[in-house]
Amino acid sequence: MRRWGGFTFIELLLALFITALIATSAYSALSGFLQAREVHQQKAAELARLQRFFSVLSRDIRQAAPI
């Protein structure tokens, strides 16, 4: 009897399972990265607003104070 070359059904299922695990973990990591980036951007925008506020406040105080 001649045996054909190739993969068995179990080997294919195992390869599919491993691929699914890798894809799931990659998606999870990417999702976490995107959420962290969004939080970072929000905090950076908030810091920029605060810096602008204190810059204007400092300028106003300097103009109002007698020298």
PDB file of N, CA and C in Angstrom:
ATOM      1  N   MET A   1       0.836  -1.164   0.000  1.00  0.00           N
ATOM      2  CA  MET A   1       0.000   0.000   0.000  1.00  0.00           C
ATOM      3  C   MET A   1       0.894   1.245   0.000  1.00  0.00           C
ATOM      4  N   ARG A   2       0.537   2.189  -0.822  1.00  0.00           N
ATOM      5  CA  ARG A   2       1.315   3.398  -0.971  1.00  0.00           C
ATOM      6  C   ARG A   2       0.719   4.507  -0.102  1.00  0.00           C
ATOM      7  N   ARG A   3       1.572   5.145   0.671  1.00  0.00           N
ATOM      8  CA  ARG A   3       1.096   6.231   1.540  1.00  0.00           C
ATOM      9  C   ARG A   3       1.323   7.569   0.835  1.00  0.00           C
ATOM     10  N   TRP A   4       0.282   8.390   0.792  1.00  0.00           N
ATOM     11  CA  TRP A   4       0.358   9.696   0.175  1.00  0.00           C
ATOM     12  C   TRP A   4       1.016  10.667   1.134  1.00  0.00           C
ATOM     13  N   GLY A   5       1.801  11.577   0.614  1.00  0.00           N
ATOM     14  CA  GLY A   5       2.433  12.588   1.462  1.00  0.00           C
ATOM     15  C   GLY A   5       1.431  13.666   1.821  1.00  0.00           C
ATOM     16  N   GLY A   6       1.628  14.252   2.962  1.00  0.00           N
ATOM     17  CA  GLY A   6       0.743  15.336   3.385  1.00  0.00           C
ATOM     18  C   GLY A   6       0.530  15.310   4.879  1.00  0.00           C
ATOM     19  N   PHE A   7      -0.403  16.112   5.313  1.00  0.00           N
ATOM     20  CA  PHE A   7      -0.670  16.239   6.736  1.00  0.00           C
ATOM     21  C   PHE A   7      -1.923  15.466   7.101  1.00  0.00           C
ATOM     22  N   THR A   8      -1.957  15.008   8.343  1.00  0.00           N
ATOM     23  CA  THR A   8      -3.162  14.340   8.829  1.00  0.00           C
ATOM     24  C   THR A   8      -4.144  15.405   9.304  1.00  0.00           C
ATOM     25  N   PHE A   9      -5.364  14.972   9.518  1.00  0.00           N
ATOM     26  CA  PHE A   9      -6.406  15.875   9.977  1.00  0.00           C
ATOM     27  C   PHE A   9      -6.053  16.458  11.347  1.00  0.00           C
ATOM     28  N   ILE A  10      -5.497  15.653  12.219  1.00  0.00           N
ATOM     29  CA  ILE A  10      -5.113  16.113  13.552  1.00  0.00           C
ATOM     30  C   ILE A  10      -4.019  17.182  13.450  1.00  0.00           C
ATOM     31  N   GLU A  11      -3.068  16.981  12.582  1.00  0.00           N
ATOM     32  CA  GLU A  11      -1.999  17.965  12.398  1.00  0.00           C
ATOM     33  C   GLU A  11      -2.557  19.292  11.882  1.00  0.00           C
ATOM     34  N   LEU A  12      -3.494  19.220  10.963  1.00  0.00           N
ATOM     35  CA  LEU A  12      -4.115  20.438  10.451  1.00  0.00           C
ATOM     36  C   LEU A  12      -4.911  21.163  11.534  1.00  0.00           C
ATOM     37  N   LEU A  13      -5.653  20.409  12.346  1.00  0.00           N
ATOM     38  CA  LEU A  13      -6.408  21.018  13.437  1.00  0.00           C
ATOM     39  C   LEU A  13      -5.475  21.661  14.458  1.00  0.00           C
ATOM     40  N   LEU A  14      -4.374  21.000  14.763  1.00  0.00           N
ATOM     41  CA  LEU A  14      -3.411  21.549  15.704  1.00  0.00           C
ATOM     42  C   LEU A  14      -2.787  22.840  15.159  1.00  0.00           C
ATOM     43  N   ALA A  15      -2.447  22.850  13.889  1.00  0.00           N
ATOM     44  CA  ALA A  15      -1.883  24.048  13.277  1.00  0.00           C
ATOM     45  C   ALA A  15      -2.910  25.189  13.288  1.00  0.00           C
ATOM     46  N   LEU A  16      -4.152  24.872  13.006  1.00  0.00           N
ATOM     47  CA  LEU A  16      -5.212  25.879  13.038  1.00  0.00           C
ATOM     48  C   LEU A  16      -5.409  26.430  14.446  1.00  0.00           C
ATOM     49  N   PHE A  17      -5.369  25.555  15.438  1.00  0.00           N
ATOM     50  CA  PHE A  17      -5.520  25.971  16.828  1.00  0.00           C
ATOM     51  C   PHE A  17      -4.374  26.887  17.245  1.00  0.00           C
ATOM     52  N   ILE A  18      -3.152  26.541  16.906  1.00  0.00           N
ATOM     53  CA  ILE A  18      -1.992  27.359  17.253  1.00  0.00           C
ATOM     54  C   ILE A  18      -2.078  28.723  16.562  1.00  0.00           C
ATOM     55  N   THR A  19      -2.494  28.723  15.307  1.00  0.00           N
ATOM     56  CA  THR A  19      -2.645  29.981  14.569  1.00  0.00           C
ATOM     57  C   THR A  19      -3.712  30.862  15.224  1.00  0.00           C
ATOM     58  N   ALA A  20      -4.804  30.254  15.657  1.00  0.00           N
ATOM     59  CA  ALA A  20      -5.872  30.998  16.320  1.00  0.00           C
ATOM     60  C   ALA A  20      -5.382  31.583  17.644  1.00  0.00           C
ATOM     61  N   LEU A  21      -4.596  30.832  18.398  1.00  0.00           N
ATOM     62  CA  LEU A  21      -4.043  31.346  19.650  1.00  0.00           C
ATOM     63  C   LEU A  21      -3.123  32.531  19.408  1.00  0.00           C
ATOM     64  N   ILE A  22      -2.274  32.435  18.416  1.00  0.00           N
ATOM     65  CA  ILE A  22      -1.352  33.528  18.102  1.00  0.00           C
ATOM     66  C   ILE A  22      -2.130  34.757  17.644  1.00  0.00           C
ATOM     67  N   ALA A  23      -3.137  34.556  16.806  1.00  0.00           N
ATOM     68  CA  ALA A  23      -3.935  35.685  16.323  1.00  0.00           C
ATOM     69  C   ALA A  23      -4.694  36.351  17.463  1.00  0.00           C
ATOM     70  N   THR A  24      -5.223  35.552  18.381  1.00  0.00           N
ATOM     71  CA  THR A  24      -5.961  36.101  19.516  1.00  0.00           C
ATOM     72  C   THR A  24      -5.044  36.914  20.416  1.00  0.00           C
ATOM     73  N   SER A  25      -3.869  36.392  20.698  1.00  0.00           N
ATOM     74  CA  SER A  25      -2.949  37.134  21.561  1.00  0.00           C
ATOM     75  C   SER A  25      -2.445  38.397  20.858  1.00  0.00           C
ATOM     76  N   ALA A  26      -2.226  38.341  19.558  1.00  0.00           N
ATOM     77  CA  ALA A  26      -1.791  39.529  18.817  1.00  0.00           C
ATOM     78  C   ALA A  26      -2.892  40.590  18.826  1.00  0.00           C
ATOM     79  N   TYR A  27      -4.128  40.170  18.645  1.00  0.00           N
ATOM     80  CA  TYR A  27      -5.248  41.119  18.672  1.00  0.00           C
ATOM     81  C   TYR A  27      -5.376  41.754  20.054  1.00  0.00           C
ATOM     82  N   SER A  28      -5.223  40.954  21.081  1.00  0.00           N
ATOM     83  CA  SER A  28      -5.310  41.466  22.448  1.00  0.00           C
ATOM     84  C   SER A  28      -4.207  42.484  22.715  1.00  0.00           C
ATOM     85  N   ALA A  29      -3.008  42.179  22.299  1.00  0.00           N
ATOM     86  CA  ALA A  29      -1.886  43.104  22.502  1.00  0.00           C
ATOM     87  C   ALA A  29      -2.101  44.388  21.714  1.00  0.00           C
ATOM     88  N   LEU A  30      -2.551  44.283  20.487  1.00  0.00           N
ATOM     89  CA  LEU A  30      -2.789  45.466  19.663  1.00  0.00           C
ATOM     90  C   LEU A  30      -3.903  46.326  20.249  1.00  0.00           C
ATOM     91  N   SER A  31      -4.950  45.676  20.727  1.00  0.00           N
ATOM     92  CA  SER A  31      -6.056  46.409  21.331  1.00  0.00           C
ATOM     93  C   SER A  31      -5.584  47.165  22.574  1.00  0.00           C
ATOM     94  N   GLY A  32      -4.795  46.515  23.405  1.00  0.00           N
ATOM     95  CA  GLY A  32      -4.251  47.178  24.589  1.00  0.00           C
ATOM     96  C   GLY A  32      -3.357  48.342  24.225  1.00  0.00           C
ATOM     97  N   PHE A  33      -2.547  48.161  23.207  1.00  0.00           N
ATOM     98  CA  PHE A  33      -1.667  49.235  22.754  1.00  0.00           C
ATOM     99  C   PHE A  33      -2.472  50.431  22.263  1.00  0.00           C
ATOM    100  N   LEU A  34      -3.521  50.180  21.485  1.00  0.00           N
ATOM    101  CA  LEU A  34      -4.335  51.277  20.962  1.00  0.00           C
ATOM    102  C   LEU A  34      -5.058  52.025  22.075  1.00  0.00           C
ATOM    103  N   GLN A  35      -5.529  51.302  23.087  1.00  0.00           N
ATOM    104  CA  GLN A  35      -6.186  51.955  24.217  1.00  0.00           C
ATOM    105  C   GLN A  35      -5.186  52.806  25.000  1.00  0.00           C
ATOM    106  N   ALA A  36      -3.998  52.280  25.218  1.00  0.00           N
ATOM    107  CA  ALA A  36      -2.969  53.033  25.942  1.00  0.00           C
ATOM    108  C   ALA A  36      -2.573  54.282  25.165  1.00  0.00           C
ATOM    109  N   ARG A  37      -2.497  54.168  23.850  1.00  0.00           N
ATOM    110  CA  ARG A  37      -2.149  55.327  23.031  1.00  0.00           C
ATOM    111  C   ARG A  37      -3.221  56.408  23.127  1.00  0.00           C
ATOM    112  N   GLU A  38      -4.483  55.987  23.132  1.00  0.00           N
ATOM    113  CA  GLU A  38      -5.572  56.955  23.232  1.00  0.00           C
ATOM    114  C   GLU A  38      -5.540  57.682  24.578  1.00  0.00           C
ATOM    115  N   VAL A  39      -5.300  56.935  25.658  1.00  0.00           N
ATOM    116  CA  VAL A  39      -5.209  57.556  26.986  1.00  0.00           C
ATOM    117  C   VAL A  39      -4.029  58.525  27.024  1.00  0.00           C
ATOM    118  N   HIS A  40      -2.911  58.129  26.443  1.00  0.00           N
ATOM    119  CA  HIS A  40      -1.737  58.989  26.408  1.00  0.00           C
ATOM    120  C   HIS A  40      -2.026  60.281  25.646  1.00  0.00           C
ATOM    121  N   GLN A  41      -2.716  60.177  24.519  1.00  0.00           N
ATOM    122  CA  GLN A  41      -3.053  61.368  23.737  1.00  0.00           C
ATOM    123  C   GLN A  41      -3.983  62.295  24.519  1.00  0.00           C
ATOM    124  N   GLN A  42      -4.933  61.725  25.251  1.00  0.00           N
ATOM    125  CA  GLN A  42      -5.837  62.552  26.051  1.00  0.00           C
ATOM    126  C   GLN A  42      -5.077  63.277  27.152  1.00  0.00           C
ATOM    127  N   LYS A  43      -4.173  62.570  27.814  1.00  0.00           N
ATOM    128  CA  LYS A  43      -3.395  63.197  28.887  1.00  0.00           C
ATOM    129  C   LYS A  43      -2.448  64.259  28.326  1.00  0.00           C
ATOM    130  N   ALA A  44      -1.899  64.028  27.158  1.00  0.00           N
ATOM    131  CA  ALA A  44      -1.016  65.021  26.533  1.00  0.00           C
ATOM    132  C   ALA A  44      -1.808  66.273  26.171  1.00  0.00           C
ATOM    133  N   ALA A  45      -3.021  66.097  25.669  1.00  0.00           N
ATOM    134  CA  ALA A  45      -3.861  67.256  25.338  1.00  0.00           C
ATOM    135  C   ALA A  45      -4.237  68.025  26.596  1.00  0.00           C
ATOM    136  N   GLU A  46      -4.538  67.308  27.674  1.00  0.00           N
ATOM    137  CA  GLU A  46      -4.867  67.967  28.936  1.00  0.00           C
ATOM    138  C   GLU A  46      -3.659  68.739  29.472  1.00  0.00           C
ATOM    139  N   LEU A  47      -2.487  68.151  29.389  1.00  0.00           N
ATOM    140  CA  LEU A  47      -1.268  68.837  29.839  1.00  0.00           C
ATOM    141  C   LEU A  47      -1.005  70.091  28.999  1.00  0.00           C
ATOM    142  N   ALA A  48      -1.239  70.009  27.696  1.00  0.00           N
ATOM    143  CA  ALA A  48      -1.045  71.177  26.832  1.00  0.00           C
ATOM    144  C   ALA A  48      -2.005  72.299  27.216  1.00  0.00           C
ATOM    145  N   ARG A  49      -3.253  71.946  27.528  1.00  0.00           N
ATOM    146  CA  ARG A  49      -4.224  72.969  27.952  1.00  0.00           C
ATOM    147  C   ARG A  49      -3.791  73.618  29.268  1.00  0.00           C
ATOM    148  N   LEU A  50      -3.311  72.796  30.210  1.00  0.00           N
ATOM    149  CA  LEU A  50      -2.853  73.349  31.488  1.00  0.00           C
ATOM    150  C   LEU A  50      -1.641  74.252  31.305  1.00  0.00           C
ATOM    151  N   GLN A  51      -0.710  73.852  30.461  1.00  0.00           N
ATOM    152  CA  GLN A  51       0.466  74.677  30.211  1.00  0.00           C
ATOM    153  C   GLN A  51       0.077  76.010  29.580  1.00  0.00           C
ATOM    154  N   ARG A  52      -0.872  75.963  28.651  1.00  0.00           N
ATOM    155  CA  ARG A  52      -1.352  77.193  28.021  1.00  0.00           C
ATOM    156  C   ARG A  52      -2.017  78.095  29.060  1.00  0.00           C
ATOM    157  N   PHE A  53      -2.830  77.505  29.933  1.00  0.00           N
ATOM    158  CA  PHE A  53      -3.503  78.277  30.977  1.00  0.00           C
ATOM    159  C   PHE A  53      -2.489  78.961  31.885  1.00  0.00           C
ATOM    160  N   PHE A  54      -1.501  78.222  32.363  1.00  0.00           N
ATOM    161  CA  PHE A  54      -0.520  78.808  33.278  1.00  0.00           C
ATOM    162  C   PHE A  54       0.373  79.826  32.571  1.00  0.00           C
ATOM    163  N   SER A  55       0.608  79.634  31.306  1.00  0.00           N
ATOM    164  CA  SER A  55       1.380  80.618  30.551  1.00  0.00           C
ATOM    165  C   SER A  55       0.614  81.935  30.457  1.00  0.00           C
ATOM    166  N   VAL A  56      -0.660  81.860  30.142  1.00  0.00           N
ATOM    167  CA  VAL A  56      -1.495  83.068  30.056  1.00  0.00           C
ATOM    168  C   VAL A  56      -1.626  83.706  31.433  1.00  0.00           C
ATOM    169  N   LEU A  57      -1.840  82.904  32.470  1.00  0.00           N
ATOM    170  CA  LEU A  57      -1.962  83.423  33.823  1.00  0.00           C
ATOM    171  C   LEU A  57      -0.674  84.122  34.249  1.00  0.00           C
ATOM    172  N   SER A  58       0.455  83.508  33.966  1.00  0.00           N
ATOM    173  CA  SER A  58       1.743  84.115  34.306  1.00  0.00           C
ATOM    174  C   SER A  58       1.937  85.441  33.577  1.00  0.00           C
ATOM    175  N   ARG A  59       1.588  85.486  32.310  1.00  0.00           N
ATOM    176  CA  ARG A  59       1.715  86.734  31.540  1.00  0.00           C
ATOM    177  C   ARG A  59       0.801  87.811  32.105  1.00  0.00           C
ATOM    178  N   ASP A  60      -0.432  87.438  32.448  1.00  0.00           N
ATOM    179  CA  ASP A  60      -1.372  88.420  33.014  1.00  0.00           C
ATOM    180  C   ASP A  60      -0.876  88.955  34.349  1.00  0.00           C
ATOM    181  N   ILE A  61      -0.324  88.100  35.181  1.00  0.00           N
ATOM    182  CA  ILE A  61       0.184  88.534  36.482  1.00  0.00           C
ATOM    183  C   ILE A  61       1.367  89.478  36.303  1.00  0.00           C
ATOM    184  N   ARG A  62       2.257  89.151  35.367  1.00  0.00           N
ATOM    185  CA  ARG A  62       3.407  90.034  35.103  1.00  0.00           C
ATOM    186  C   ARG A  62       2.951  91.398  34.610  1.00  0.00           C
ATOM    187  N   GLN A  63       1.920  91.438  33.803  1.00  0.00           N
ATOM    188  CA  GLN A  63       1.437  92.719  33.273  1.00  0.00           C
ATOM    189  C   GLN A  63       0.721  93.523  34.345  1.00  0.00           C
ATOM    190  N   ALA A  64       0.068  92.844  35.285  1.00  0.00           N
ATOM    191  CA  ALA A  64      -0.704  93.536  36.309  1.00  0.00           C
ATOM    192  C   ALA A  64       0.182  94.010  37.458  1.00  0.00           C
ATOM    193  N   ALA A  65       1.277  93.331  37.704  1.00  0.00           N
ATOM    194  CA  ALA A  65       2.130  93.670  38.845  1.00  0.00           C
ATOM    195  C   ALA A  65       3.002  94.875  38.507  1.00  0.00           C
ATOM    196  N   PRO A  66       3.071  95.827  39.442  1.00  0.00           N
ATOM    197  CA  PRO A  66       3.955  96.985  39.201  1.00  0.00           C
ATOM    198  C   PRO A  66       5.413  96.565  39.337  1.00  0.00           C
ATOM    199  N   ILE A  67       6.231  97.177  38.529  1.00  0.00           N
ATOM    200  CA  ILE A  67       7.661  96.840  38.559  1.00  0.00           C
ATOM    201  C   ILE A  67       8.415  97.840  39.372  1.00  0.00           C
TER     202      ILE A  67
END
